[in-house]
PDB file of N, CA and C in Angstrom:
ATOM      1  N   MET A   1     106.599  86.177  95.933  1.00  0.00           N
ATOM      2  CA  MET A   1     105.419  86.945  95.645  1.00  0.00           C
ATOM      3  C   MET A   1     105.034  86.709  94.187  1.00  0.00           C
ATOM      4  N   THR A   2     103.745  86.549  93.953  1.00  0.00           N
ATOM      5  CA  THR A   2     103.284  86.405  92.578  1.00  0.00           C
ATOM      6  C   THR A   2     103.304  87.774  91.901  1.00  0.00           C
ATOM      7  N   GLN A   3     103.095  87.785  90.630  1.00  0.00           N
ATOM      8  CA  GLN A   3     103.093  89.033  89.869  1.00  0.00           C
ATOM      9  C   GLN A   3     101.976  89.944  90.376  1.00  0.00           C
ATOM     10  N   PRO A   4     102.284  91.191  90.765  1.00  0.00           N
ATOM     11  CA  PRO A   4     101.226  92.083  91.241  1.00  0.00           C
ATOM     12  C   PRO A   4     100.248  92.450  90.126  1.00  0.00           C
ATOM     13  N   VAL A   5      99.030  92.757  90.527  1.00  0.00           N
ATOM     14  CA  VAL A   5      97.976  93.180  89.610  1.00  0.00           C
ATOM     15  C   VAL A   5      97.619  94.617  89.967  1.00  0.00           C
ATOM     16  N   ILE A   6      97.452  95.466  88.977  1.00  0.00           N
ATOM     17  CA  ILE A   6      97.063  96.855  89.207  1.00  0.00           C
ATOM     18  C   ILE A   6      95.581  96.982  88.879  1.00  0.00           C
ATOM     19  N   HIS A   7      94.814  97.512  89.825  1.00  0.00           N
ATOM     20  CA  HIS A   7      93.383  97.758  89.611  1.00  0.00           C
ATOM     21  C   HIS A   7      93.085  99.181  90.036  1.00  0.00           C
ATOM     22  N   ARG A   8      92.668  99.999  89.073  1.00  0.00           N
ATOM     23  CA  ARG A   8      92.332 101.408  89.318  1.00  0.00           C
ATOM     24  C   ARG A   8      93.475 102.153  90.002  1.00  0.00           C
ATOM     25  N   GLY A   9      94.696 101.809  89.597  1.00  0.00           N
ATOM     26  CA  GLY A   9      95.882 102.481  90.119  1.00  0.00           C
ATOM     27  C   GLY A   9      96.384 101.942  91.448  1.00  0.00           C
ATOM     28  N   ILE A  10      95.774 100.885  91.969  1.00  0.00           N
ATOM     29  CA  ILE A  10      96.158 100.306  93.253  1.00  0.00           C
ATOM     30  C   ILE A  10      96.723  98.908  93.010  1.00  0.00           C
ATOM     31  N   THR A  11      97.865  98.631  93.614  1.00  0.00           N
ATOM     32  CA  THR A  11      98.528  97.340  93.443  1.00  0.00           C
ATOM     33  C   THR A  11      97.928  96.304  94.384  1.00  0.00           C
ATOM     34  N   ILE A  12      97.595  95.151  93.811  1.00  0.00           N
ATOM     35  CA  ILE A  12      97.110  94.004  94.576  1.00  0.00           C
ATOM     36  C   ILE A  12      98.209  92.950  94.518  1.00  0.00           C
ATOM     37  N   ARG A  13      98.584  92.436  95.692  1.00  0.00           N
ATOM     38  CA  ARG A  13      99.668  91.445  95.766  1.00  0.00           C
ATOM     39  C   ARG A  13      99.195  90.178  96.466  1.00  0.00           C
ATOM     40  N   GLN A  14      99.869  89.089  96.157  1.00  0.00           N
ATOM     41  CA  GLN A  14      99.674  87.833  96.872  1.00  0.00           C
ATOM     42  C   GLN A  14     101.039  87.174  97.002  1.00  0.00           C
ATOM     43  N   PHE A  15     101.391  86.787  98.210  1.00  0.00           N
ATOM     44  CA  PHE A  15     102.675  86.149  98.459  1.00  0.00           C
ATOM     45  C   PHE A  15     102.599  84.666  98.109  1.00  0.00           C
ATOM     46  N   GLU A  16     103.732  84.079  97.791  1.00  0.00           N
ATOM     47  CA  GLU A  16     103.790  82.681  97.359  1.00  0.00           C
ATOM     48  C   GLU A  16     103.830  81.731  98.554  1.00  0.00           C
ATOM     49  N   VAL A  17     102.839  81.841  99.388  1.00  0.00           N
ATOM     50  CA  VAL A  17     102.685  80.973 100.556  1.00  0.00           C
ATOM     51  C   VAL A  17     101.263  80.415 100.485  1.00  0.00           C
ATOM     52  N   PRO A  18     101.077  79.116 100.687  1.00  0.00           N
ATOM     53  CA  PRO A  18      99.729  78.556 100.606  1.00  0.00           C
ATOM     54  C   PRO A  18      98.741  79.286 101.521  1.00  0.00           C
ATOM     55  N   CYS A  19      97.544  79.483 101.006  1.00  0.00           N
ATOM     56  CA  CYS A  19      96.436  80.096 101.755  1.00  0.00           C
ATOM     57  C   CYS A  19      96.672  81.566 102.103  1.00  0.00           C
ATOM     58  N   THR A  20      97.571  82.230 101.398  1.00  0.00           N
ATOM     59  CA  THR A  20      97.827  83.644 101.646  1.00  0.00           C
ATOM     60  C   THR A  20      96.776  84.481 100.925  1.00  0.00           C
ATOM     61  N   PRO A  21      96.193  85.458 101.607  1.00  0.00           N
ATOM     62  CA  PRO A  21      95.185  86.294 100.954  1.00  0.00           C
ATOM     63  C   PRO A  21      95.821  87.305 100.007  1.00  0.00           C
ATOM     64  N   TYR A  22      94.995  87.872  99.164  1.00  0.00           N
ATOM     65  CA  TYR A  22      95.404  89.012  98.358  1.00  0.00           C
ATOM     66  C   TYR A  22      95.381  90.231  99.274  1.00  0.00           C
ATOM     67  N   VAL A  23      96.370  91.097  99.141  1.00  0.00           N
ATOM     68  CA  VAL A  23      96.428  92.301  99.965  1.00  0.00           C
ATOM     69  C   VAL A  23      96.599  93.524  99.070  1.00  0.00           C
ATOM     70  N   TRP A  24      96.015  94.629  99.509  1.00  0.00           N
ATOM     71  CA  TRP A  24      96.169  95.876  98.776  1.00  0.00           C
ATOM     72  C   TRP A  24      96.242  97.026  99.772  1.00  0.00           C
ATOM     73  N   THR A  25      96.980  98.047  99.399  1.00  0.00           N
ATOM     74  CA  THR A  25      97.053  99.265 100.199  1.00  0.00           C
ATOM     75  C   THR A  25      97.040 100.462  99.261  1.00  0.00           C
ATOM     76  N   HIS A  26      96.455 101.536  99.733  1.00  0.00           N
ATOM     77  CA  HIS A  26      96.407 102.774  98.972  1.00  0.00           C
ATOM     78  C   HIS A  26      96.783 103.903  99.923  1.00  0.00           C
ATOM     79  N   ASP A  27      98.049 104.274  99.882  1.00  0.00           N
ATOM     80  CA  ASP A  27      98.575 105.258 100.829  1.00  0.00           C
ATOM     81  C   ASP A  27      97.904 106.621 100.715  1.00  0.00           C
ATOM     82  N   GLU A  28      97.538 107.014  99.515  1.00  0.00           N
ATOM     83  CA  GLU A  28      96.940 108.338  99.318  1.00  0.00           C
ATOM     84  C   GLU A  28      95.622 108.512 100.057  1.00  0.00           C
ATOM     85  N   THR A  29      94.879 107.423 100.219  1.00  0.00           N
ATOM     86  CA  THR A  29      93.573 107.512 100.882  1.00  0.00           C
ATOM     87  C   THR A  29      93.548 106.722 102.189  1.00  0.00           C
ATOM     88  N   ASP A  30      94.708 106.254 102.618  1.00  0.00           N
ATOM     89  CA  ASP A  30      94.818 105.464 103.843  1.00  0.00           C
ATOM     90  C   ASP A  30      93.909 104.234 103.784  1.00  0.00           C
ATOM     91  N   GLY A  31      93.816 103.628 102.605  1.00  0.00           N
ATOM     92  CA  GLY A  31      92.969 102.449 102.420  1.00  0.00           C
ATOM     93  C   GLY A  31      93.799 101.183 102.361  1.00  0.00           C
ATOM     94  N   HIS A  32      93.187 100.075 102.762  1.00  0.00           N
ATOM     95  CA  HIS A  32      93.862  98.779 102.701  1.00  0.00           C
ATOM     96  C   HIS A  32      92.823  97.674 102.858  1.00  0.00           C
ATOM     97  N   GLY A  33      93.212  96.467 102.485  1.00  0.00           N
ATOM     98  CA  GLY A  33      92.309  95.341 102.652  1.00  0.00           C
ATOM     99  C   GLY A  33      92.980  94.027 102.338  1.00  0.00           C
ATOM    100  N   THR A  34      92.297  92.963 102.719  1.00  0.00           N
ATOM    101  CA  THR A  34      92.717  91.607 102.371  1.00  0.00           C
ATOM    102  C   THR A  34      91.496  90.881 101.830  1.00  0.00           C
ATOM    103  N   ALA A  35      91.731  89.950 100.921  1.00  0.00           N
ATOM    104  CA  ALA A  35      90.629  89.224 100.293  1.00  0.00           C
ATOM    105  C   ALA A  35      91.077  87.823  99.921  1.00  0.00           C
ATOM    106  N   GLU A  36      90.122  86.910  99.891  1.00  0.00           N
ATOM    107  CA  GLU A  36      90.426  85.525  99.519  1.00  0.00           C
ATOM    108  C   GLU A  36      90.648  85.367  98.024  1.00  0.00           C
ATOM    109  N   THR A  37      89.999  86.213  97.214  1.00  0.00           N
ATOM    110  CA  THR A  37      90.137  86.108  95.763  1.00  0.00           C
ATOM    111  C   THR A  37      90.505  87.467  95.173  1.00  0.00           C
ATOM    112  N   LEU A  38      91.018  87.420  93.968  1.00  0.00           N
ATOM    113  CA  LEU A  38      91.360  88.650  93.258  1.00  0.00           C
ATOM    114  C   LEU A  38      90.102  89.471  92.985  1.00  0.00           C
ATOM    115  N   ASP A  39      89.005  88.809  92.621  1.00  0.00           N
ATOM    116  CA  ASP A  39      87.754  89.527  92.376  1.00  0.00           C
ATOM    117  C   ASP A  39      87.254  90.240  93.634  1.00  0.00           C
ATOM    118  N   GLN A  40      87.415  89.599  94.782  1.00  0.00           N
ATOM    119  CA  GLN A  40      87.009  90.248  96.036  1.00  0.00           C
ATOM    120  C   GLN A  40      87.886  91.465  96.318  1.00  0.00           C
ATOM    121  N   ALA A  41      89.166  91.362  96.053  1.00  0.00           N
ATOM    122  CA  ALA A  41      90.072  92.500  96.252  1.00  0.00           C
ATOM    123  C   ALA A  41      89.675  93.657  95.337  1.00  0.00           C
ATOM    124  N   ARG A  42      89.361  93.350  94.090  1.00  0.00           N
ATOM    125  CA  ARG A  42      88.923  94.395  93.158  1.00  0.00           C
ATOM    126  C   ARG A  42      87.629  95.058  93.637  1.00  0.00           C
ATOM    127  N   ALA A  43      86.689  94.253  94.124  1.00  0.00           N
ATOM    128  CA  ALA A  43      85.424  94.797  94.630  1.00  0.00           C
ATOM    129  C   ALA A  43      85.670  95.688  95.850  1.00  0.00           C
ATOM    130  N   GLN A  44      86.590  95.283  96.727  1.00  0.00           N
ATOM    131  CA  GLN A  44      86.921  96.112  97.891  1.00  0.00           C
ATOM    132  C   GLN A  44      87.498  97.456  97.456  1.00  0.00           C
ATOM    133  N   ILE A  45      88.369  97.440  96.475  1.00  0.00           N
ATOM    134  CA  ILE A  45      88.966  98.677  95.971  1.00  0.00           C
ATOM    135  C   ILE A  45      87.895  99.564  95.355  1.00  0.00           C
ATOM    136  N   ASP A  46      87.022  98.980  94.547  1.00  0.00           N
ATOM    137  CA  ASP A  46      85.930  99.758  93.955  1.00  0.00           C
ATOM    138  C   ASP A  46      85.078 100.412  95.036  1.00  0.00           C
ATOM    139  N   ALA A  47      84.730  99.662  96.074  1.00  0.00           N
ATOM    140  CA  ALA A  47      83.905 100.206  97.160  1.00  0.00           C
ATOM    141  C   ALA A  47      84.663 101.291  97.921  1.00  0.00           C
ATOM    142  N   HIS A  48      85.937 101.074  98.159  1.00  0.00           N
ATOM    143  CA  HIS A  48      86.749 102.061  98.879  1.00  0.00           C
ATOM    144  C   HIS A  48      86.819 103.373  98.104  1.00  0.00           C
ATOM    145  N   LEU A  49      87.096 103.272  96.807  1.00  0.00           N
ATOM    146  CA  LEU A  49      87.202 104.485  96.002  1.00  0.00           C
ATOM    147  C   LEU A  49      85.853 105.167  95.826  1.00  0.00           C
ATOM    148  N   ALA A  50      84.767 104.400  95.764  1.00  0.00           N
ATOM    149  CA  ALA A  50      83.429 104.985  95.655  1.00  0.00           C
ATOM    150  C   ALA A  50      83.107 105.791  96.906  1.00  0.00           C
ATOM    151  N   LYS A  51      83.465 105.254  98.073  1.00  0.00           N
ATOM    152  CA  LYS A  51      83.242 105.992  99.325  1.00  0.00           C
ATOM    153  C   LYS A  51      84.019 107.296  99.340  1.00  0.00           C
ATOM    154  N   ARG A  52      85.235 107.247  98.833  1.00  0.00           N
ATOM    155  CA  ARG A  52      86.071 108.459  98.791  1.00  0.00           C
ATOM    156  C   ARG A  52      85.455 109.497  97.863  1.00  0.00           C
ATOM    157  N   CYS A  53      84.925 109.065  96.735  1.00  0.00           N
ATOM    158  CA  CYS A  53      84.286 109.997  95.797  1.00  0.00           C
ATOM    159  C   CYS A  53      83.021 110.592  96.396  1.00  0.00           C
ATOM    160  N   ASP A  54      82.225 109.767  97.083  1.00  0.00           N
ATOM    161  CA  ASP A  54      81.000 110.249  97.703  1.00  0.00           C
ATOM    162  C   ASP A  54      81.310 111.286  98.786  1.00  0.00           C
ATOM    163  N   ALA A  55      82.393 111.087  99.527  1.00  0.00           N
ATOM    164  CA  ALA A  55      82.765 111.996 100.601  1.00  0.00           C
ATOM    165  C   ALA A  55      83.261 113.328 100.064  1.00  0.00           C
ATOM    166  N   HIS A  56      83.800 113.322  98.847  1.00  0.00           N
ATOM    167  CA  HIS A  56      84.364 114.549  98.280  1.00  0.00           C
ATOM    168  C   HIS A  56      83.509 115.114  97.156  1.00  0.00           C
ATOM    169  N   GLY A  57      82.435 114.442  96.800  1.00  0.00           N
ATOM    170  CA  GLY A  57      81.639 114.854  95.647  1.00  0.00           C
ATOM    171  C   GLY A  57      80.484 115.633  96.032  1.00  0.00           C
TER     172      GLY A  57
END
């Protein structure tokens, strides 16, 4: 596994296997996703957390 990246408190991981996507999970909000790039994973997390804020705001 490559070094994990933390974005907005959520860990993004990528395994050391060719063509493996970035994966993230957020147990507190039951969120998860996969992405081809780190930027896409970050955008997914931003969208997920924005939806959670809108639902509770």
